[in-house]
Amino acid sequence: MPWLALASYFFGGAFLANAIPHAVSGMMGRPFQSPFAKPSGQGLSSSTVNVLWGFFNLAVAYVLICRVDDFGLKDTTDAFALGAGAFLIALFSAWHFGRFHGGNGECP
């Protein structure tokens, strides 16, 4: 079942990348968008909610990357699947949250 392991690594990469902005914003004491905000994904959640959500994402990433199969960092296919998941969620997040923070505008 190598395709199932690669799918797990892909989504593990997405959860790992998603953990970073939530945990960092929360630890800095800043509100940030989360699925628990009103409206979901657009409104701001408290820093505490973001720390909890960030560490939940980290735990899910751990399970998907380290417990589903034998992830090999030196295995190019495994690393590519993880990197692709992280890259795509990062690109989507830049596009989605750039609408709220001015990140999609023209640079001066």
PDB file of N, CA and C in Angstrom:
ATOM      1  N   MET A   1       0.808  -1.209   0.000  1.00  0.00           N
ATOM      2  CA  MET A   1       0.000   0.000   0.000  1.00  0.00           C
ATOM      3  C   MET A   1       0.847   1.267   0.000  1.00  0.00           C
ATOM      4  N   PRO A   2       1.797   1.418  -0.881  1.00  0.00           N
ATOM      5  CA  PRO A   2       2.608   2.638  -0.846  1.00  0.00           C
ATOM      6  C   PRO A   2       1.811   3.903  -1.168  1.00  0.00           C
ATOM      7  N   TRP A   3       0.769   3.807  -1.970  1.00  0.00           N
ATOM      8  CA  TRP A   3      -0.007   5.015  -2.285  1.00  0.00           C
ATOM      9  C   TRP A   3      -0.711   5.541  -1.046  1.00  0.00           C
ATOM     10  N   LEU A   4      -1.142   4.639  -0.157  1.00  0.00           N
ATOM     11  CA  LEU A   4      -1.804   5.071   1.067  1.00  0.00           C
ATOM     12  C   LEU A   4      -0.819   5.788   1.988  1.00  0.00           C
ATOM     13  N   ALA A   5       0.410   5.278   2.049  1.00  0.00           N
ATOM     14  CA  ALA A   5       1.445   5.938   2.852  1.00  0.00           C
ATOM     15  C   ALA A   5       1.770   7.307   2.267  1.00  0.00           C
ATOM     16  N   LEU A   6       1.859   7.404   0.946  1.00  0.00           N
ATOM     17  CA  LEU A   6       2.163   8.701   0.314  1.00  0.00           C
ATOM     18  C   LEU A   6       1.038   9.702   0.551  1.00  0.00           C
ATOM     19  N   ALA A   7      -0.210   9.245   0.505  1.00  0.00           N
ATOM     20  CA  ALA A   7      -1.340  10.135   0.805  1.00  0.00           C
ATOM     21  C   ALA A   7      -1.266  10.599   2.258  1.00  0.00           C
ATOM     22  N   SER A   8      -0.886   9.693   3.147  1.00  0.00           N
ATOM     23  CA  SER A   8      -0.735  10.044   4.558  1.00  0.00           C
ATOM     24  C   SER A   8       0.356  11.102   4.738  1.00  0.00           C
ATOM     25  N   TYR A   9       1.475  10.945   4.049  1.00  0.00           N
ATOM     26  CA  TYR A   9       2.566  11.924   4.144  1.00  0.00           C
ATOM     27  C   TYR A   9       2.144  13.266   3.562  1.00  0.00           C
ATOM     28  N   PHE A  10       1.385  13.235   2.463  1.00  0.00           N
ATOM     29  CA  PHE A  10       0.892  14.470   1.849  1.00  0.00           C
ATOM     30  C   PHE A  10       0.038  15.254   2.843  1.00  0.00           C
ATOM     31  N   PHE A  11      -0.939  14.586   3.433  1.00  0.00           N
ATOM     32  CA  PHE A  11      -1.813  15.272   4.395  1.00  0.00           C
ATOM     33  C   PHE A  11      -1.075  15.594   5.692  1.00  0.00           C
ATOM     34  N   GLY A  12      -0.104  14.762   6.045  1.00  0.00           N
ATOM     35  CA  GLY A  12       0.734  15.074   7.206  1.00  0.00           C
ATOM     36  C   GLY A  12       1.510  16.359   6.994  1.00  0.00           C
ATOM     37  N   GLY A  13       2.019  16.559   5.780  1.00  0.00           N
ATOM     38  CA  GLY A  13       2.712  17.805   5.448  1.00  0.00           C
ATOM     39  C   GLY A  13       1.784  19.004   5.527  1.00  0.00           C
ATOM     40  N   ALA A  14       0.540  18.810   5.081  1.00  0.00           N
ATOM     41  CA  ALA A  14      -0.432  19.905   5.146  1.00  0.00           C
ATOM     42  C   ALA A  14      -0.743  20.263   6.607  1.00  0.00           C
ATOM     43  N   PHE A  15      -0.955  19.253   7.446  1.00  0.00           N
ATOM     44  CA  PHE A  15      -1.225  19.524   8.858  1.00  0.00           C
ATOM     45  C   PHE A  15      -0.011  20.148   9.542  1.00  0.00           C
ATOM     46  N   LEU A  16       1.186  19.688   9.180  1.00  0.00           N
ATOM     47  CA  LEU A  16       2.405  20.243   9.768  1.00  0.00           C
ATOM     48  C   LEU A  16       2.560  21.718   9.409  1.00  0.00           C
ATOM     49  N   ALA A  17       2.360  22.052   8.142  1.00  0.00           N
ATOM     50  CA  ALA A  17       2.468  23.455   7.717  1.00  0.00           C
ATOM     51  C   ALA A  17       1.373  24.307   8.343  1.00  0.00           C
ATOM     52  N   ASN A  18       0.171  23.749   8.515  1.00  0.00           N
ATOM     53  CA  ASN A  18      -0.931  24.495   9.107  1.00  0.00           C
ATOM     54  C   ASN A  18      -0.711  24.741  10.598  1.00  0.00           C
ATOM     55  N   ALA A  19       0.048  23.881  11.251  1.00  0.00           N
ATOM     56  CA  ALA A  19       0.307  24.053  12.683  1.00  0.00           C
ATOM     57  C   ALA A  19       1.135  25.303  12.953  1.00  0.00           C
ATOM     58  N   ILE A  20       2.023  25.652  12.044  1.00  0.00           N
ATOM     59  CA  ILE A  20       2.983  26.734  12.284  1.00  0.00           C
ATOM     60  C   ILE A  20       2.320  28.091  12.510  1.00  0.00           C
ATOM     61  N   PRO A  21       1.490  28.595  11.582  1.00  0.00           N
ATOM     62  CA  PRO A  21       0.937  29.947  11.823  1.00  0.00           C
ATOM     63  C   PRO A  21       0.024  30.018  13.039  1.00  0.00           C
ATOM     64  N   HIS A  22      -0.710  28.939  13.302  1.00  0.00           N
ATOM     65  CA  HIS A  22      -1.611  28.963  14.458  1.00  0.00           C
ATOM     66  C   HIS A  22      -0.831  28.967  15.767  1.00  0.00           C
ATOM     67  N   ALA A  23       0.145  28.075  15.878  1.00  0.00           N
ATOM     68  CA  ALA A  23       0.930  28.010  17.122  1.00  0.00           C
ATOM     69  C   ALA A  23       1.735  29.280  17.332  1.00  0.00           C
ATOM     70  N   VAL A  24       2.358  29.788  16.281  1.00  0.00           N
ATOM     71  CA  VAL A  24       3.188  30.988  16.422  1.00  0.00           C
ATOM     72  C   VAL A  24       2.334  32.209  16.755  1.00  0.00           C
ATOM     73  N   SER A  25       1.225  32.391  16.044  1.00  0.00           N
ATOM     74  CA  SER A  25       0.346  33.530  16.356  1.00  0.00           C
ATOM     75  C   SER A  25      -0.157  33.452  17.786  1.00  0.00           C
ATOM     76  N   GLY A  26      -0.553  32.261  18.193  1.00  0.00           N
ATOM     77  CA  GLY A  26      -1.038  32.090  19.559  1.00  0.00           C
ATOM     78  C   GLY A  26       0.035  32.375  20.589  1.00  0.00           C
ATOM     79  N   MET A  27       1.249  31.876  20.366  1.00  0.00           N
ATOM     80  CA  MET A  27       2.328  32.102  21.327  1.00  0.00           C
ATOM     81  C   MET A  27       2.743  33.564  21.377  1.00  0.00           C
ATOM     82  N   MET A  28       2.493  34.300  20.298  1.00  0.00           N
ATOM     83  CA  MET A  28       2.797  35.730  20.288  1.00  0.00           C
ATOM     84  C   MET A  28       1.652  36.547  20.891  1.00  0.00           C
ATOM     85  N   GLY A  29       0.564  35.861  21.255  1.00  0.00           N
ATOM     86  CA  GLY A  29      -0.572  36.549  21.857  1.00  0.00           C
ATOM     87  C   GLY A  29      -1.445  37.262  20.853  1.00  0.00           C
ATOM     88  N   ARG A  30      -1.345  36.875  19.601  1.00  0.00           N
ATOM     89  CA  ARG A  30      -2.123  37.540  18.551  1.00  0.00           C
ATOM     90  C   ARG A  30      -3.305  36.685  18.116  1.00  0.00           C
ATOM     91  N   PRO A  31      -4.443  37.299  17.859  1.00  0.00           N
ATOM     92  CA  PRO A  31      -5.570  36.551  17.302  1.00  0.00           C
ATOM     93  C   PRO A  31      -5.261  36.191  15.843  1.00  0.00           C
ATOM     94  N   PHE A  32      -5.871  35.126  15.375  1.00  0.00           N
ATOM     95  CA  PHE A  32      -5.644  34.668  14.002  1.00  0.00           C
ATOM     96  C   PHE A  32      -6.879  33.899  13.556  1.00  0.00           C
ATOM     97  N   GLN A  33      -7.091  33.823  12.250  1.00  0.00           N
ATOM     98  CA  GLN A  33      -8.231  33.079  11.724  1.00  0.00           C
ATOM     99  C   GLN A  33      -8.094  31.595  12.089  1.00  0.00           C
ATOM    100  N   SER A  34      -9.239  30.978  12.380  1.00  0.00           N
ATOM    101  CA  SER A  34      -9.256  29.537  12.621  1.00  0.00           C
ATOM    102  C   SER A  34     -10.637  29.010  12.238  1.00  0.00           C
ATOM    103  N   PRO A  35     -10.780  27.702  12.176  1.00  0.00           N
ATOM    104  CA  PRO A  35     -12.097  27.141  11.858  1.00  0.00           C
ATOM    105  C   PRO A  35     -13.153  27.422  12.927  1.00  0.00           C
ATOM    106  N   PHE A  36     -12.725  27.860  14.102  1.00  0.00           N
ATOM    107  CA  PHE A  36     -13.654  28.083  15.211  1.00  0.00           C
ATOM    108  C   PHE A  36     -14.145  29.527  15.288  1.00  0.00           C
ATOM    109  N   ALA A  37     -13.649  30.385  14.425  1.00  0.00           N
ATOM    110  CA  ALA A  37     -14.040  31.800  14.422  1.00  0.00           C
ATOM    111  C   ALA A  37     -15.407  31.960  13.763  1.00  0.00           C
ATOM    112  N   LYS A  38     -16.004  33.100  13.952  1.00  0.00           N
ATOM    113  CA  LYS A  38     -17.272  33.449  13.306  1.00  0.00           C
ATOM    114  C   LYS A  38     -17.031  34.617  12.377  1.00  0.00           C
ATOM    115  N   PRO A  39     -17.209  34.511  11.082  1.00  0.00           N
ATOM    116  CA  PRO A  39     -17.463  33.297  10.320  1.00  0.00           C
ATOM    117  C   PRO A  39     -16.211  32.427  10.235  1.00  0.00           C
ATOM    118  N   SER A  40     -16.428  31.139  10.084  1.00  0.00           N
ATOM    119  CA  SER A  40     -15.361  30.150  10.097  1.00  0.00           C
ATOM    120  C   SER A  40     -14.292  30.451   9.037  1.00  0.00           C
ATOM    121  N   GLY A  41     -13.041  30.506   9.481  1.00  0.00           N
ATOM    122  CA  GLY A  41     -11.931  30.743   8.560  1.00  0.00           C
ATOM    123  C   GLY A  41     -11.739  32.190   8.163  1.00  0.00           C
ATOM    124  N   GLN A  42     -12.610  33.069   8.623  1.00  0.00           N
ATOM    125  CA  GLN A  42     -12.497  34.481   8.264  1.00  0.00           C
ATOM    126  C   GLN A  42     -12.362  35.360   9.495  1.00  0.00           C
ATOM    127  N   GLY A  43     -13.160  35.084  10.510  1.00  0.00           N
ATOM    128  CA  GLY A  43     -13.067  35.852  11.742  1.00  0.00           C
ATOM    129  C   GLY A  43     -11.831  35.445  12.531  1.00  0.00           C
ATOM    130  N   LEU A  44     -11.550  36.192  13.574  1.00  0.00           N
ATOM    131  CA  LEU A  44     -10.363  35.924  14.377  1.00  0.00           C
ATOM    132  C   LEU A  44     -10.705  35.091  15.606  1.00  0.00           C
ATOM    133  N   SER A  45      -9.813  34.171  15.937  1.00  0.00           N
ATOM    134  CA  SER A  45      -9.923  33.383  17.163  1.00  0.00           C
ATOM    135  C   SER A  45      -8.861  33.872  18.140  1.00  0.00           C
ATOM    136  N   SER A  46      -9.082  33.611  19.410  1.00  0.00           N
ATOM    137  CA  SER A  46      -8.142  34.058  20.442  1.00  0.00           C
ATOM    138  C   SER A  46      -6.800  33.345  20.300  1.00  0.00           C
ATOM    139  N   SER A  47      -5.809  33.910  20.957  1.00  0.00           N
ATOM    140  CA  SER A  47      -4.477  33.307  20.924  1.00  0.00           C
ATOM    141  C   SER A  47      -4.488  31.922  21.573  1.00  0.00           C
ATOM    142  N   THR A  48      -5.280  31.737  22.602  1.00  0.00           N
ATOM    143  CA  THR A  48      -5.366  30.431  23.265  1.00  0.00           C
ATOM    144  C   THR A  48      -5.951  29.384  22.326  1.00  0.00           C
ATOM    145  N   VAL A  49      -7.011  29.728  21.627  1.00  0.00           N
ATOM    146  CA  VAL A  49      -7.617  28.807  20.660  1.00  0.00           C
ATOM    147  C   VAL A  49      -6.601  28.447  19.584  1.00  0.00           C
ATOM    148  N   ASN A  50      -5.825  29.419  19.144  1.00  0.00           N
ATOM    149  CA  ASN A  50      -4.844  29.148  18.099  1.00  0.00           C
ATOM    150  C   ASN A  50      -3.704  28.259  18.582  1.00  0.00           C
ATOM    151  N   VAL A  51      -3.274  28.406  19.821  1.00  0.00           N
ATOM    152  CA  VAL A  51      -2.248  27.493  20.358  1.00  0.00           C
ATOM    153  C   VAL A  51      -2.808  26.078  20.395  1.00  0.00           C
ATOM    154  N   LEU A  52      -4.029  25.921  20.893  1.00  0.00           N
ATOM    155  CA  LEU A  52      -4.649  24.589  20.952  1.00  0.00           C
ATOM    156  C   LEU A  52      -4.809  23.993  19.560  1.00  0.00           C
ATOM    157  N   TRP A  53      -5.280  24.788  18.607  1.00  0.00           N
ATOM    158  CA  TRP A  53      -5.473  24.318  17.239  1.00  0.00           C
ATOM    159  C   TRP A  53      -4.131  23.989  16.581  1.00  0.00           C
ATOM    160  N   GLY A  54      -3.123  24.797  16.824  1.00  0.00           N
ATOM    161  CA  GLY A  54      -1.800  24.537  16.261  1.00  0.00           C
ATOM    162  C   GLY A  54      -1.210  23.240  16.770  1.00  0.00           C
ATOM    163  N   PHE A  55      -1.319  22.989  18.069  1.00  0.00           N
ATOM    164  CA  PHE A  55      -0.766  21.754  18.623  1.00  0.00           C
ATOM    165  C   PHE A  55      -1.606  20.534  18.262  1.00  0.00           C
ATOM    166  N   PHE A  56      -2.908  20.722  18.055  1.00  0.00           N
ATOM    167  CA  PHE A  56      -3.724  19.623  17.535  1.00  0.00           C
ATOM    168  C   PHE A  56      -3.253  19.251  16.127  1.00  0.00           C
ATOM    169  N   ASN A  57      -3.014  20.256  15.286  1.00  0.00           N
ATOM    170  CA  ASN A  57      -2.506  20.006  13.937  1.00  0.00           C
ATOM    171  C   ASN A  57      -1.160  19.297  13.979  1.00  0.00           C
ATOM    172  N   LEU A  58      -0.314  19.678  14.912  1.00  0.00           N
ATOM    173  CA  LEU A  58       0.989  19.039  15.074  1.00  0.00           C
ATOM    174  C   LEU A  58       0.837  17.564  15.462  1.00  0.00           C
ATOM    175  N   ALA A  59      -0.092  17.261  16.340  1.00  0.00           N
ATOM    176  CA  ALA A  59      -0.332  15.879  16.750  1.00  0.00           C
ATOM    177  C   ALA A  59      -0.852  15.041  15.586  1.00  0.00           C
ATOM    178  N   VAL A  60      -1.773  15.602  14.799  1.00  0.00           N
ATOM    179  CA  VAL A  60      -2.289  14.883  13.633  1.00  0.00           C
ATOM    180  C   VAL A  60      -1.165  14.656  12.623  1.00  0.00           C
ATOM    181  N   ALA A  61      -0.321  15.662  12.415  1.00  0.00           N
ATOM    182  CA  ALA A  61       0.812  15.514  11.497  1.00  0.00           C
ATOM    183  C   ALA A  61       1.741  14.402  11.965  1.00  0.00           C
ATOM    184  N   TYR A  62       1.997  14.339  13.257  1.00  0.00           N
ATOM    185  CA  TYR A  62       2.854  13.281  13.801  1.00  0.00           C
ATOM    186  C   TYR A  62       2.280  11.903  13.490  1.00  0.00           C
ATOM    187  N   VAL A  63       0.991  11.731  13.736  1.00  0.00           N
ATOM    188  CA  VAL A  63       0.365  10.436  13.476  1.00  0.00           C
ATOM    189  C   VAL A  63       0.448  10.092  11.991  1.00  0.00           C
ATOM    190  N   LEU A  64       0.129  11.039  11.124  1.00  0.00           N
ATOM    191  CA  LEU A  64       0.128  10.773   9.686  1.00  0.00           C
ATOM    192  C   LEU A  64       1.525  10.525   9.125  1.00  0.00           C
ATOM    193  N   ILE A  65       2.526  11.177   9.675  1.00  0.00           N
ATOM    194  CA  ILE A  65       3.885  11.049   9.137  1.00  0.00           C
ATOM    195  C   ILE A  65       4.653   9.906   9.799  1.00  0.00           C
ATOM    196  N   CYS A  66       4.556   9.790  11.097  1.00  0.00           N
ATOM    197  CA  CYS A  66       5.428   8.862  11.836  1.00  0.00           C
ATOM    198  C   CYS A  66       4.777   7.539  12.214  1.00  0.00           C
ATOM    199  N   ARG A  67       3.459   7.475  12.272  1.00  0.00           N
ATOM    200  CA  ARG A  67       2.820   6.264  12.782  1.00  0.00           C
ATOM    201  C   ARG A  67       2.114   5.439  11.712  1.00  0.00           C
ATOM    202  N   VAL A  68       1.790   6.010  10.566  1.00  0.00           N
ATOM    203  CA  VAL A  68       1.062   5.272   9.539  1.00  0.00           C
ATOM    204  C   VAL A  68       1.973   4.267   8.840  1.00  0.00           C
ATOM    205  N   ASP A  69       3.162   4.675   8.494  1.00  0.00           N
ATOM    206  CA  ASP A  69       4.119   3.807   7.815  1.00  0.00           C
ATOM    207  C   ASP A  69       5.516   4.240   8.239  1.00  0.00           C
ATOM    208  N   ASP A  70       6.514   3.703   7.600  1.00  0.00           N
ATOM    209  CA  ASP A  70       7.901   4.019   7.945  1.00  0.00           C
ATOM    210  C   ASP A  70       8.396   5.165   7.058  1.00  0.00           C
ATOM    211  N   PHE A  71       8.150   6.421   7.491  1.00  0.00           N
ATOM    212  CA  PHE A  71       8.569   7.594   6.719  1.00  0.00           C
ATOM    213  C   PHE A  71      10.088   7.662   6.664  1.00  0.00           C
ATOM    214  N   GLY A  72      10.613   7.859   5.467  1.00  0.00           N
ATOM    215  CA  GLY A  72      12.055   7.997   5.300  1.00  0.00           C
ATOM    216  C   GLY A  72      12.394   9.365   4.743  1.00  0.00           C
ATOM    217  N   LEU A  73      13.034  10.197   5.539  1.00  0.00           N
ATOM    218  CA  LEU A  73      13.385  11.537   5.088  1.00  0.00           C
ATOM    219  C   LEU A  73      14.336  11.501   3.900  1.00  0.00           C
ATOM    220  N   LYS A  74      15.137  10.435   3.821  1.00  0.00           N
ATOM    221  CA  LYS A  74      16.062  10.294   2.693  1.00  0.00           C
ATOM    222  C   LYS A  74      15.407   9.639   1.484  1.00  0.00           C
ATOM    223  N   ASP A  75      14.182   9.183   1.627  1.00  0.00           N
ATOM    224  CA  ASP A  75      13.432   8.632   0.501  1.00  0.00           C
ATOM    225  C   ASP A  75      12.778   9.796  -0.237  1.00  0.00           C
ATOM    226  N   THR A  76      13.210  10.014  -1.463  1.00  0.00           N
ATOM    227  CA  THR A  76      12.756  11.176  -2.230  1.00  0.00           C
ATOM    228  C   THR A  76      11.242  11.193  -2.404  1.00  0.00           C
ATOM    229  N   THR A  77      10.648  10.053  -2.640  1.00  0.00           N
ATOM    230  CA  THR A  77       9.202  10.002  -2.843  1.00  0.00           C
ATOM    231  C   THR A  77       8.457  10.396  -1.571  1.00  0.00           C
ATOM    232  N   ASP A  78       8.904   9.879  -0.429  1.00  0.00           N
ATOM    233  CA  ASP A  78       8.271  10.238   0.844  1.00  0.00           C
ATOM    234  C   ASP A  78       8.416  11.739   1.120  1.00  0.00           C
ATOM    235  N   ALA A  79       9.622  12.255   0.947  1.00  0.00           N
ATOM    236  CA  ALA A  79       9.878  13.673   1.208  1.00  0.00           C
ATOM    237  C   ALA A  79       9.107  14.563   0.239  1.00  0.00           C
ATOM    238  N   PHE A  80       8.986  14.136  -1.017  1.00  0.00           N
ATOM    239  CA  PHE A  80       8.234  14.922  -2.004  1.00  0.00           C
ATOM    240  C   PHE A  80       6.758  14.974  -1.638  1.00  0.00           C
ATOM    241  N   ALA A  81       6.179  13.845  -1.222  1.00  0.00           N
ATOM    242  CA  ALA A  81       4.763  13.820  -0.841  1.00  0.00           C
ATOM    243  C   ALA A  81       4.513  14.763   0.335  1.00  0.00           C
ATOM    244  N   LEU A  82       5.372  14.711   1.352  1.00  0.00           N
ATOM    245  CA  LEU A  82       5.226  15.592   2.507  1.00  0.00           C
ATOM    246  C   LEU A  82       5.390  17.051   2.086  1.00  0.00           C
ATOM    247  N   GLY A  83       6.406  17.339   1.293  1.00  0.00           N
ATOM    248  CA  GLY A  83       6.652  18.705   0.836  1.00  0.00           C
ATOM    249  C   GLY A  83       5.536  19.240  -0.044  1.00  0.00           C
ATOM    250  N   ALA A  84       4.954  18.382  -0.873  1.00  0.00           N
ATOM    251  CA  ALA A  84       3.850  18.813  -1.741  1.00  0.00           C
ATOM    252  C   ALA A  84       2.634  19.208  -0.903  1.00  0.00           C
ATOM    253  N   GLY A  85       2.341  18.424   0.126  1.00  0.00           N
ATOM    254  CA  GLY A  85       1.219  18.780   0.999  1.00  0.00           C
ATOM    255  C   GLY A  85       1.460  20.091   1.719  1.00  0.00           C
ATOM    256  N   ALA A  86       2.675  20.271   2.230  1.00  0.00           N
ATOM    257  CA  ALA A  86       3.011  21.516   2.927  1.00  0.00           C
ATOM    258  C   ALA A  86       2.974  22.705   1.968  1.00  0.00           C
ATOM    259  N   PHE A  87       3.528  22.521   0.771  1.00  0.00           N
ATOM    260  CA  PHE A  87       3.572  23.608  -0.209  1.00  0.00           C
ATOM    261  C   PHE A  87       2.169  24.026  -0.639  1.00  0.00           C
ATOM    262  N   LEU A  88       1.318  23.059  -0.930  1.00  0.00           N
ATOM    263  CA  LEU A  88      -0.021  23.402  -1.422  1.00  0.00           C
ATOM    264  C   LEU A  88      -0.871  24.080  -0.355  1.00  0.00           C
ATOM    265  N   ILE A  89      -0.789  23.634   0.902  1.00  0.00           N
ATOM    266  CA  ILE A  89      -1.560  24.319   1.950  1.00  0.00           C
ATOM    267  C   ILE A  89      -0.981  25.714   2.195  1.00  0.00           C
ATOM    268  N   ALA A  90       0.327  25.867   2.074  1.00  0.00           N
ATOM    269  CA  ALA A  90       0.948  27.188   2.246  1.00  0.00           C
ATOM    270  C   ALA A  90       0.504  28.137   1.132  1.00  0.00           C
ATOM    271  N   LEU A  91       0.470  27.638  -0.091  1.00  0.00           N
ATOM    272  CA  LEU A  91       0.033  28.457  -1.222  1.00  0.00           C
ATOM    273  C   LEU A  91      -1.437  28.838  -1.096  1.00  0.00           C
ATOM    274  N   PHE A  92      -2.270  27.870  -0.717  1.00  0.00           N
ATOM    275  CA  PHE A  92      -3.684  28.156  -0.514  1.00  0.00           C
ATOM    276  C   PHE A  92      -3.872  29.180   0.609  1.00  0.00           C
ATOM    277  N   SER A  93      -3.146  29.002   1.708  1.00  0.00           N
ATOM    278  CA  SER A  93      -3.267  29.927   2.845  1.00  0.00           C
ATOM    279  C   SER A  93      -2.835  31.333   2.466  1.00  0.00           C
ATOM    280  N   ALA A  94      -1.758  31.445   1.683  1.00  0.00           N
ATOM    281  CA  ALA A  94      -1.302  32.763   1.238  1.00  0.00           C
ATOM    282  C   ALA A  94      -2.378  33.451   0.411  1.00  0.00           C
ATOM    283  N   TRP A  95      -3.013  32.704  -0.451  1.00  0.00           N
ATOM    284  CA  TRP A  95      -4.071  33.277  -1.290  1.00  0.00           C
ATOM    285  C   TRP A  95      -5.297  33.618  -0.448  1.00  0.00           C
ATOM    286  N   HIS A  96      -5.721  32.675   0.386  1.00  0.00           N
ATOM    287  CA  HIS A  96      -6.949  32.868   1.170  1.00  0.00           C
ATOM    288  C   HIS A  96      -6.801  33.980   2.208  1.00  0.00           C
ATOM    289  N   PHE A  97      -5.752  33.940   3.020  1.00  0.00           N
ATOM    290  CA  PHE A  97      -5.596  34.920   4.095  1.00  0.00           C
ATOM    291  C   PHE A  97      -5.004  36.231   3.599  1.00  0.00           C
ATOM    292  N   GLY A  98      -4.430  36.237   2.412  1.00  0.00           N
ATOM    293  CA  GLY A  98      -3.949  37.487   1.822  1.00  0.00           C
ATOM    294  C   GLY A  98      -5.075  38.469   1.566  1.00  0.00           C
ATOM    295  N   ARG A  99      -6.290  37.951   1.402  1.00  0.00           N
ATOM    296  CA  ARG A  99      -7.452  38.826   1.217  1.00  0.00           C
ATOM    297  C   ARG A  99      -7.712  39.666   2.459  1.00  0.00           C
ATOM    298  N   PHE A 100      -7.401  39.126   3.630  1.00  0.00           N
ATOM    299  CA  PHE A 100      -7.675  39.820   4.887  1.00  0.00           C
ATOM    300  C   PHE A 100      -6.522  40.691   5.353  1.00  0.00           C
ATOM    301  N   HIS A 101      -5.325  40.369   4.924  1.00  0.00           N
ATOM    302  CA  HIS A 101      -4.140  41.059   5.431  1.00  0.00           C
ATOM    303  C   HIS A 101      -3.388  41.840   4.358  1.00  0.00           C
ATOM    304  N   GLY A 102      -3.962  41.975   3.167  1.00  0.00           N
ATOM    305  CA  GLY A 102      -3.346  42.766   2.111  1.00  0.00           C
ATOM    306  C   GLY A 102      -2.175  42.085   1.418  1.00  0.00           C
ATOM    307  N   GLY A 103      -2.051  40.787   1.555  1.00  0.00           N
ATOM    308  CA  GLY A 103      -0.927  40.079   0.955  1.00  0.00           C
ATOM    309  C   GLY A 103      -1.086  39.754  -0.514  1.00  0.00           C
ATOM    310  N   ASN A 104      -2.244  39.975  -1.074  1.00  0.00           N
ATOM    311  CA  ASN A 104      -2.464  39.664  -2.485  1.00  0.00           C
ATOM    312  C   ASN A 104      -2.372  40.884  -3.395  1.00  0.00           C
ATOM    313  N   GLY A 105      -2.071  42.024  -2.817  1.00  0.00           N
ATOM    314  CA  GLY A 105      -2.002  43.248  -3.614  1.00  0.00           C
ATOM    315  C   GLY A 105      -0.677  43.393  -4.321  1.00  0.00           C
ATOM    316  N   GLU A 106      -0.594  44.397  -5.124  1.00  0.00           N
ATOM    317  CA  GLU A 106       0.651  44.731  -5.838  1.00  0.00           C
ATOM    318  C   GLU A 106       1.685  45.241  -4.852  1.00  0.00           C
ATOM    319  N   CYS A 107       2.913  44.838  -5.042  1.00  0.00           N
ATOM    320  CA  CYS A 107       4.008  45.343  -4.213  1.00  0.00           C
ATOM    321  C   CYS A 107       4.439  46.703  -4.735  1.00  0.00           C
ATOM    322  N   PRO A 108       4.840  47.606  -3.841  1.00  0.00           N
ATOM    323  CA  PRO A 108       5.234  48.948  -4.304  1.00  0.00           C
ATOM    324  C   PRO A 108       6.527  48.913  -5.087  1.00  0.00           C
TER     325      PRO A 108
END
